[in-house]
Amino acid sequence: MKKILGFISFILIAQGVGGIVHHFFGWFEGWGLVHRVGFLDGYEVFAAVTLLILGLAVGGASDKLERADS
């Protein structure tokens, strides 16, 4: 379970950082999802920050899960 949560955390953090970098610098044109979703037009930065925070929360939960199993 920890590996799955770690992978999900990585994907969420990568998409959040990619969305922020794409918005401010224009890089990462091909792989970010935030700027491709139509209903997020105008809210890309907020969605990217939300993904970043959610990824950090899932990563923290996976660490807690590991400590609880020990």
PDB file of N, CA and C in Angstrom:
ATOM      1  N   MET A   1       0.826  -1.192   0.000  1.00  0.00           N
ATOM      2  CA  MET A   1       0.000   0.000   0.000  1.00  0.00           C
ATOM      3  C   MET A   1       0.871   1.257   0.000  1.00  0.00           C
ATOM      4  N   LYS A   2       2.009   1.183   0.736  1.00  0.00           N
ATOM      5  CA  LYS A   2       2.879   2.342   0.817  1.00  0.00           C
ATOM      6  C   LYS A   2       3.444   2.696  -0.557  1.00  0.00           C
ATOM      7  N   LYS A   3       3.782   1.688  -1.355  1.00  0.00           N
ATOM      8  CA  LYS A   3       4.341   1.947  -2.682  1.00  0.00           C
ATOM      9  C   LYS A   3       3.306   2.603  -3.605  1.00  0.00           C
ATOM     10  N   ILE A   4       2.060   2.161  -3.496  1.00  0.00           N
ATOM     11  CA  ILE A   4       0.995   2.743  -4.321  1.00  0.00           C
ATOM     12  C   ILE A   4       0.778   4.203  -3.934  1.00  0.00           C
ATOM     13  N   LEU A   5       0.706   4.475  -2.629  1.00  0.00           N
ATOM     14  CA  LEU A   5       0.524   5.857  -2.177  1.00  0.00           C
ATOM     15  C   LEU A   5       1.732   6.716  -2.535  1.00  0.00           C
ATOM     16  N   GLY A   6       2.919   6.149  -2.469  1.00  0.00           N
ATOM     17  CA  GLY A   6       4.114   6.889  -2.871  1.00  0.00           C
ATOM     18  C   GLY A   6       4.095   7.245  -4.344  1.00  0.00           C
ATOM     19  N   PHE A   7       3.634   6.309  -5.182  1.00  0.00           N
ATOM     20  CA  PHE A   7       3.534   6.574  -6.619  1.00  0.00           C
ATOM     21  C   PHE A   7       2.489   7.644  -6.907  1.00  0.00           C
ATOM     22  N   ILE A   8       1.330   7.539  -6.258  1.00  0.00           N
ATOM     23  CA  ILE A   8       0.277   8.542  -6.437  1.00  0.00           C
ATOM     24  C   ILE A   8       0.768   9.911  -5.978  1.00  0.00           C
ATOM     25  N   SER A   9       1.496   9.931  -4.863  1.00  0.00           N
ATOM     26  CA  SER A   9       2.060  11.179  -4.359  1.00  0.00           C
ATOM     27  C   SER A   9       3.023  11.787  -5.370  1.00  0.00           C
ATOM     28  N   PHE A  10       3.880  10.956  -5.950  1.00  0.00           N
ATOM     29  CA  PHE A  10       4.824  11.441  -6.948  1.00  0.00           C
ATOM     30  C   PHE A  10       4.106  12.035  -8.158  1.00  0.00           C
ATOM     31  N   ILE A  11       3.086  11.357  -8.650  1.00  0.00           N
ATOM     32  CA  ILE A  11       2.338  11.844  -9.816  1.00  0.00           C
ATOM     33  C   ILE A  11       1.658  13.176  -9.504  1.00  0.00           C
ATOM     34  N   LEU A  12       1.028  13.271  -8.336  1.00  0.00           N
ATOM     35  CA  LEU A  12       0.347  14.519  -7.966  1.00  0.00           C
ATOM     36  C   LEU A  12       1.329  15.675  -7.825  1.00  0.00           C
ATOM     37  N   ILE A  13       2.463  15.427  -7.175  1.00  0.00           N
ATOM     38  CA  ILE A  13       3.467  16.479  -7.010  1.00  0.00           C
ATOM     39  C   ILE A  13       4.048  16.880  -8.357  1.00  0.00           C
ATOM     40  N   ALA A  14       4.336  15.905  -9.213  1.00  0.00           N
ATOM     41  CA  ALA A  14       4.893  16.212 -10.534  1.00  0.00           C
ATOM     42  C   ALA A  14       3.919  17.028 -11.374  1.00  0.00           C
ATOM     43  N   GLN A  15       2.636  16.677 -11.332  1.00  0.00           N
ATOM     44  CA  GLN A  15       1.644  17.438 -12.094  1.00  0.00           C
ATOM     45  C   GLN A  15       1.463  18.844 -11.528  1.00  0.00           C
ATOM     46  N   GLY A  16       1.514  18.973 -10.211  1.00  0.00           N
ATOM     47  CA  GLY A  16       1.392  20.297  -9.600  1.00  0.00           C
ATOM     48  C   GLY A  16       2.560  21.193  -9.946  1.00  0.00           C
ATOM     49  N   VAL A  17       3.771  20.667  -9.803  1.00  0.00           N
ATOM     50  CA  VAL A  17       4.965  21.454 -10.137  1.00  0.00           C
ATOM     51  C   VAL A  17       4.992  21.747 -11.634  1.00  0.00           C
ATOM     52  N   GLY A  18       4.652  20.758 -12.445  1.00  0.00           N
ATOM     53  CA  GLY A  18       4.621  20.970 -13.894  1.00  0.00           C
ATOM     54  C   GLY A  18       3.618  22.032 -14.308  1.00  0.00           C
ATOM     55  N   GLY A  19       2.467  22.048 -13.661  1.00  0.00           N
ATOM     56  CA  GLY A  19       1.457  23.064 -13.965  1.00  0.00           C
ATOM     57  C   GLY A  19       1.913  24.463 -13.590  1.00  0.00           C
ATOM     58  N   ILE A  20       2.573  24.585 -12.436  1.00  0.00           N
ATOM     59  CA  ILE A  20       3.079  25.895 -12.006  1.00  0.00           C
ATOM     60  C   ILE A  20       4.188  26.373 -12.928  1.00  0.00           C
ATOM     61  N   VAL A  21       5.126  25.475 -13.241  1.00  0.00           N
ATOM     62  CA  VAL A  21       6.245  25.853 -14.122  1.00  0.00           C
ATOM     63  C   VAL A  21       5.728  26.191 -15.515  1.00  0.00           C
ATOM     64  N   HIS A  22       4.761  25.427 -16.011  1.00  0.00           N
ATOM     65  CA  HIS A  22       4.212  25.723 -17.338  1.00  0.00           C
ATOM     66  C   HIS A  22       3.523  27.078 -17.366  1.00  0.00           C
ATOM     67  N   HIS A  23       2.811  27.407 -16.317  1.00  0.00           N
ATOM     68  CA  HIS A  23       2.094  28.685 -16.296  1.00  0.00           C
ATOM     69  C   HIS A  23       3.053  29.878 -16.265  1.00  0.00           C
ATOM     70  N   PHE A  24       4.088  29.791 -15.456  1.00  0.00           N
ATOM     71  CA  PHE A  24       4.964  30.943 -15.291  1.00  0.00           C
ATOM     72  C   PHE A  24       6.105  30.998 -16.304  1.00  0.00           C
ATOM     73  N   PHE A  25       6.558  29.849 -16.813  1.00  0.00           N
ATOM     74  CA  PHE A  25       7.718  29.845 -17.704  1.00  0.00           C
ATOM     75  C   PHE A  25       7.416  29.292 -19.091  1.00  0.00           C
ATOM     76  N   GLY A  26       6.329  28.553 -19.251  1.00  0.00           N
ATOM     77  CA  GLY A  26       5.984  27.993 -20.550  1.00  0.00           C
ATOM     78  C   GLY A  26       6.658  26.666 -20.845  1.00  0.00           C
ATOM     79  N   TRP A  27       7.402  26.125 -19.909  1.00  0.00           N
ATOM     80  CA  TRP A  27       8.064  24.833 -20.114  1.00  0.00           C
ATOM     81  C   TRP A  27       7.076  23.706 -19.886  1.00  0.00           C
ATOM     82  N   PHE A  28       7.500  22.494 -20.120  1.00  0.00           N
ATOM     83  CA  PHE A  28       6.712  21.272 -19.905  1.00  0.00           C
ATOM     84  C   PHE A  28       5.403  21.312 -20.677  1.00  0.00           C
ATOM     85  N   GLU A  29       5.518  21.633 -21.922  1.00  0.00           N
ATOM     86  CA  GLU A  29       4.348  21.798 -22.787  1.00  0.00           C
ATOM     87  C   GLU A  29       3.601  20.472 -23.002  1.00  0.00           C
ATOM     88  N   GLY A  30       4.311  19.356 -23.093  1.00  0.00           N
ATOM     89  CA  GLY A  30       3.687  18.127 -23.544  1.00  0.00           C
ATOM     90  C   GLY A  30       3.097  17.221 -22.492  1.00  0.00           C
ATOM     91  N   TRP A  31       3.506  17.307 -21.246  1.00  0.00           N
ATOM     92  CA  TRP A  31       3.074  16.276 -20.312  1.00  0.00           C
ATOM     93  C   TRP A  31       2.192  16.758 -19.173  1.00  0.00           C
ATOM     94  N   GLY A  32       2.001  18.023 -19.017  1.00  0.00           N
ATOM     95  CA  GLY A  32       1.144  18.515 -17.935  1.00  0.00           C
ATOM     96  C   GLY A  32      -0.324  18.352 -18.252  1.00  0.00           C
ATOM     97  N   LEU A  33      -1.115  18.048 -17.242  1.00  0.00           N
ATOM     98  CA  LEU A  33      -2.554  17.848 -17.446  1.00  0.00           C
ATOM     99  C   LEU A  33      -3.387  19.058 -17.074  1.00  0.00           C
ATOM    100  N   VAL A  34      -2.877  19.900 -16.190  1.00  0.00           N
ATOM    101  CA  VAL A  34      -3.685  21.006 -15.678  1.00  0.00           C
ATOM    102  C   VAL A  34      -4.068  21.972 -16.794  1.00  0.00           C
ATOM    103  N   HIS A  35      -3.153  22.285 -17.673  1.00  0.00           N
ATOM    104  CA  HIS A  35      -3.458  23.258 -18.724  1.00  0.00           C
ATOM    105  C   HIS A  35      -4.245  22.648 -19.879  1.00  0.00           C
ATOM    106  N   ARG A  36      -4.453  21.343 -19.853  1.00  0.00           N
ATOM    107  CA  ARG A  36      -5.205  20.678 -20.919  1.00  0.00           C
ATOM    108  C   ARG A  36      -6.689  20.494 -20.587  1.00  0.00           C
ATOM    109  N   VAL A  37      -7.046  20.619 -19.330  1.00  0.00           N
ATOM    110  CA  VAL A  37      -8.430  20.407 -18.913  1.00  0.00           C
ATOM    111  C   VAL A  37      -9.207  21.701 -19.147  1.00  0.00           C
ATOM    112  N   GLY A  38     -10.260  21.622 -19.935  1.00  0.00           N
ATOM    113  CA  GLY A  38     -10.973  22.808 -20.381  1.00  0.00           C
ATOM    114  C   GLY A  38     -11.662  23.609 -19.292  1.00  0.00           C
ATOM    115  N   PHE A  39     -12.258  22.929 -18.315  1.00  0.00           N
ATOM    116  CA  PHE A  39     -13.014  23.665 -17.305  1.00  0.00           C
ATOM    117  C   PHE A  39     -12.117  24.359 -16.285  1.00  0.00           C
ATOM    118  N   LEU A  40     -10.800  24.160 -16.382  1.00  0.00           N
ATOM    119  CA  LEU A  40      -9.872  24.848 -15.477  1.00  0.00           C
ATOM    120  C   LEU A  40      -9.289  26.126 -16.079  1.00  0.00           C
ATOM    121  N   ASP A  41      -9.808  26.557 -17.223  1.00  0.00           N
ATOM    122  CA  ASP A  41      -9.302  27.774 -17.851  1.00  0.00           C
ATOM    123  C   ASP A  41      -9.410  28.953 -16.896  1.00  0.00           C
ATOM    124  N   GLY A  42      -8.281  29.573 -16.629  1.00  0.00           N
ATOM    125  CA  GLY A  42      -8.229  30.690 -15.710  1.00  0.00           C
ATOM    126  C   GLY A  42      -7.903  30.283 -14.286  1.00  0.00           C
ATOM    127  N   TYR A  43      -7.971  28.988 -13.988  1.00  0.00           N
ATOM    128  CA  TYR A  43      -7.708  28.491 -12.633  1.00  0.00           C
ATOM    129  C   TYR A  43      -6.556  27.483 -12.611  1.00  0.00           C
ATOM    130  N   GLU A  44      -5.685  27.542 -13.612  1.00  0.00           N
ATOM    131  CA  GLU A  44      -4.621  26.556 -13.724  1.00  0.00           C
ATOM    132  C   GLU A  44      -3.666  26.594 -12.535  1.00  0.00           C
ATOM    133  N   VAL A  45      -3.328  27.795 -12.072  1.00  0.00           N
ATOM    134  CA  VAL A  45      -2.388  27.911 -10.955  1.00  0.00           C
ATOM    135  C   VAL A  45      -3.010  27.348  -9.680  1.00  0.00           C
ATOM    136  N   PHE A  46      -4.262  27.664  -9.425  1.00  0.00           N
ATOM    137  CA  PHE A  46      -4.938  27.154  -8.235  1.00  0.00           C
ATOM    138  C   PHE A  46      -5.035  25.625  -8.276  1.00  0.00           C
ATOM    139  N   ALA A  47      -5.348  25.074  -9.441  1.00  0.00           N
ATOM    140  CA  ALA A  47      -5.435  23.615  -9.577  1.00  0.00           C
ATOM    141  C   ALA A  47      -4.062  22.978  -9.387  1.00  0.00           C
ATOM    142  N   ALA A  48      -3.010  23.601  -9.920  1.00  0.00           N
ATOM    143  CA  ALA A  48      -1.669  23.057  -9.769  1.00  0.00           C
ATOM    144  C   ALA A  48      -1.212  23.094  -8.314  1.00  0.00           C
ATOM    145  N   VAL A  49      -1.495  24.180  -7.615  1.00  0.00           N
ATOM    146  CA  VAL A  49      -1.136  24.275  -6.203  1.00  0.00           C
ATOM    147  C   VAL A  49      -1.929  23.245  -5.390  1.00  0.00           C
ATOM    148  N   THR A  50      -3.187  23.047  -5.744  1.00  0.00           N
ATOM    149  CA  THR A  50      -4.007  22.040  -5.064  1.00  0.00           C
ATOM    150  C   THR A  50      -3.433  20.643  -5.279  1.00  0.00           C
ATOM    151  N   LEU A  51      -3.012  20.334  -6.499  1.00  0.00           N
ATOM    152  CA  LEU A  51      -2.394  19.035  -6.762  1.00  0.00           C
ATOM    153  C   LEU A  51      -1.102  18.872  -5.971  1.00  0.00           C
ATOM    154  N   LEU A  52      -0.324  19.930  -5.885  1.00  0.00           N
ATOM    155  CA  LEU A  52       0.926  19.882  -5.132  1.00  0.00           C
ATOM    156  C   LEU A  52       0.660  19.616  -3.652  1.00  0.00           C
ATOM    157  N   ILE A  53      -0.280  20.328  -3.075  1.00  0.00           N
ATOM    158  CA  ILE A  53      -0.610  20.143  -1.653  1.00  0.00           C
ATOM    159  C   ILE A  53      -1.208  18.757  -1.419  1.00  0.00           C
ATOM    160  N   LEU A  54      -2.054  18.307  -2.319  1.00  0.00           N
ATOM    161  CA  LEU A  54      -2.640  16.974  -2.190  1.00  0.00           C
ATOM    162  C   LEU A  54      -1.564  15.900  -2.288  1.00  0.00           C
ATOM    163  N   GLY A  55      -0.603  16.090  -3.175  1.00  0.00           N
ATOM    164  CA  GLY A  55       0.503  15.139  -3.289  1.00  0.00           C
ATOM    165  C   GLY A  55       1.338  15.080  -2.023  1.00  0.00           C
ATOM    166  N   LEU A  56       1.593  16.224  -1.417  1.00  0.00           N
ATOM    167  CA  LEU A  56       2.330  16.242  -0.152  1.00  0.00           C
ATOM    168  C   LEU A  56       1.537  15.559   0.956  1.00  0.00           C
ATOM    169  N   ALA A  57       0.228  15.753   0.965  1.00  0.00           N
ATOM    170  CA  ALA A  57      -0.619  15.110   1.977  1.00  0.00           C
ATOM    171  C   ALA A  57      -0.635  13.593   1.795  1.00  0.00           C
ATOM    172  N   VAL A  58      -0.739  13.128   0.571  1.00  0.00           N
ATOM    173  CA  VAL A  58      -0.728  11.685   0.316  1.00  0.00           C
ATOM    174  C   VAL A  58       0.634  11.098   0.674  1.00  0.00           C
ATOM    175  N   GLY A  59       1.716  11.828   0.384  1.00  0.00           N
ATOM    176  CA  GLY A  59       3.046  11.368   0.773  1.00  0.00           C
ATOM    177  C   GLY A  59       3.194  11.279   2.275  1.00  0.00           C
ATOM    178  N   GLY A  60       2.664  12.251   2.992  1.00  0.00           N
ATOM    179  CA  GLY A  60       2.682  12.199   4.450  1.00  0.00           C
ATOM    180  C   GLY A  60       1.858  11.047   4.986  1.00  0.00           C
ATOM    181  N   ALA A  61       0.731  10.779   4.352  1.00  0.00           N
ATOM    182  CA  ALA A  61      -0.109   9.656   4.779  1.00  0.00           C
ATOM    183  C   ALA A  61       0.600   8.330   4.540  1.00  0.00           C
ATOM    184  N   SER A  62       1.348   8.223   3.447  1.00  0.00           N
ATOM    185  CA  SER A  62       2.064   6.971   3.195  1.00  0.00           C
ATOM    186  C   SER A  62       3.178   6.774   4.215  1.00  0.00           C
ATOM    187  N   ASP A  63       3.818   7.857   4.654  1.00  0.00           N
ATOM    188  CA  ASP A  63       4.827   7.746   5.711  1.00  0.00           C
ATOM    189  C   ASP A  63       4.196   7.330   7.029  1.00  0.00           C
ATOM    190  N   LYS A  64       3.041   7.890   7.350  1.00  0.00           N
ATOM    191  CA  LYS A  64       2.330   7.509   8.574  1.00  0.00           C
ATOM    192  C   LYS A  64       1.924   6.046   8.517  1.00  0.00           C
ATOM    193  N   LEU A  65       1.502   5.590   7.339  1.00  0.00           N
ATOM    194  CA  LEU A  65       1.092   4.201   7.174  1.00  0.00           C
ATOM    195  C   LEU A  65       2.273   3.274   7.412  1.00  0.00           C
ATOM    196  N   GLU A  66       3.445   3.669   6.942  1.00  0.00           N
ATOM    197  CA  GLU A  66       4.644   2.862   7.140  1.00  0.00           C
ATOM    198  C   GLU A  66       5.001   2.779   8.632  1.00  0.00           C
ATOM    199  N   ARG A  67       4.918   3.886   9.338  1.00  0.00           N
ATOM    200  CA  ARG A  67       5.249   3.906  10.754  1.00  0.00           C
ATOM    201  C   ARG A  67       4.237   3.121  11.577  1.00  0.00           C
ATOM    202  N   ALA A  68       2.989   3.116  11.164  1.00  0.00           N
ATOM    203  CA  ALA A  68       1.969   2.373  11.900  1.00  0.00           C
ATOM    204  C   ALA A  68       2.162   0.866  11.744  1.00  0.00           C
ATOM    205  N   ASP A  69       2.684   0.437  10.594  1.00  0.00           N
ATOM    206  CA  ASP A  69       2.907  -0.990  10.363  1.00  0.00           C
ATOM    207  C   ASP A  69       4.104  -1.512  11.137  1.00  0.00           C
ATOM    208  N   SER A  70       5.038  -0.632  11.489  1.00  0.00           N
ATOM    209  CA  SER A  70       6.272  -1.062  12.165  1.00  0.00           C
ATOM    210  C   SER A  70       6.029  -1.449  13.584  1.00  0.00           C
TER     211      SER A  70
END
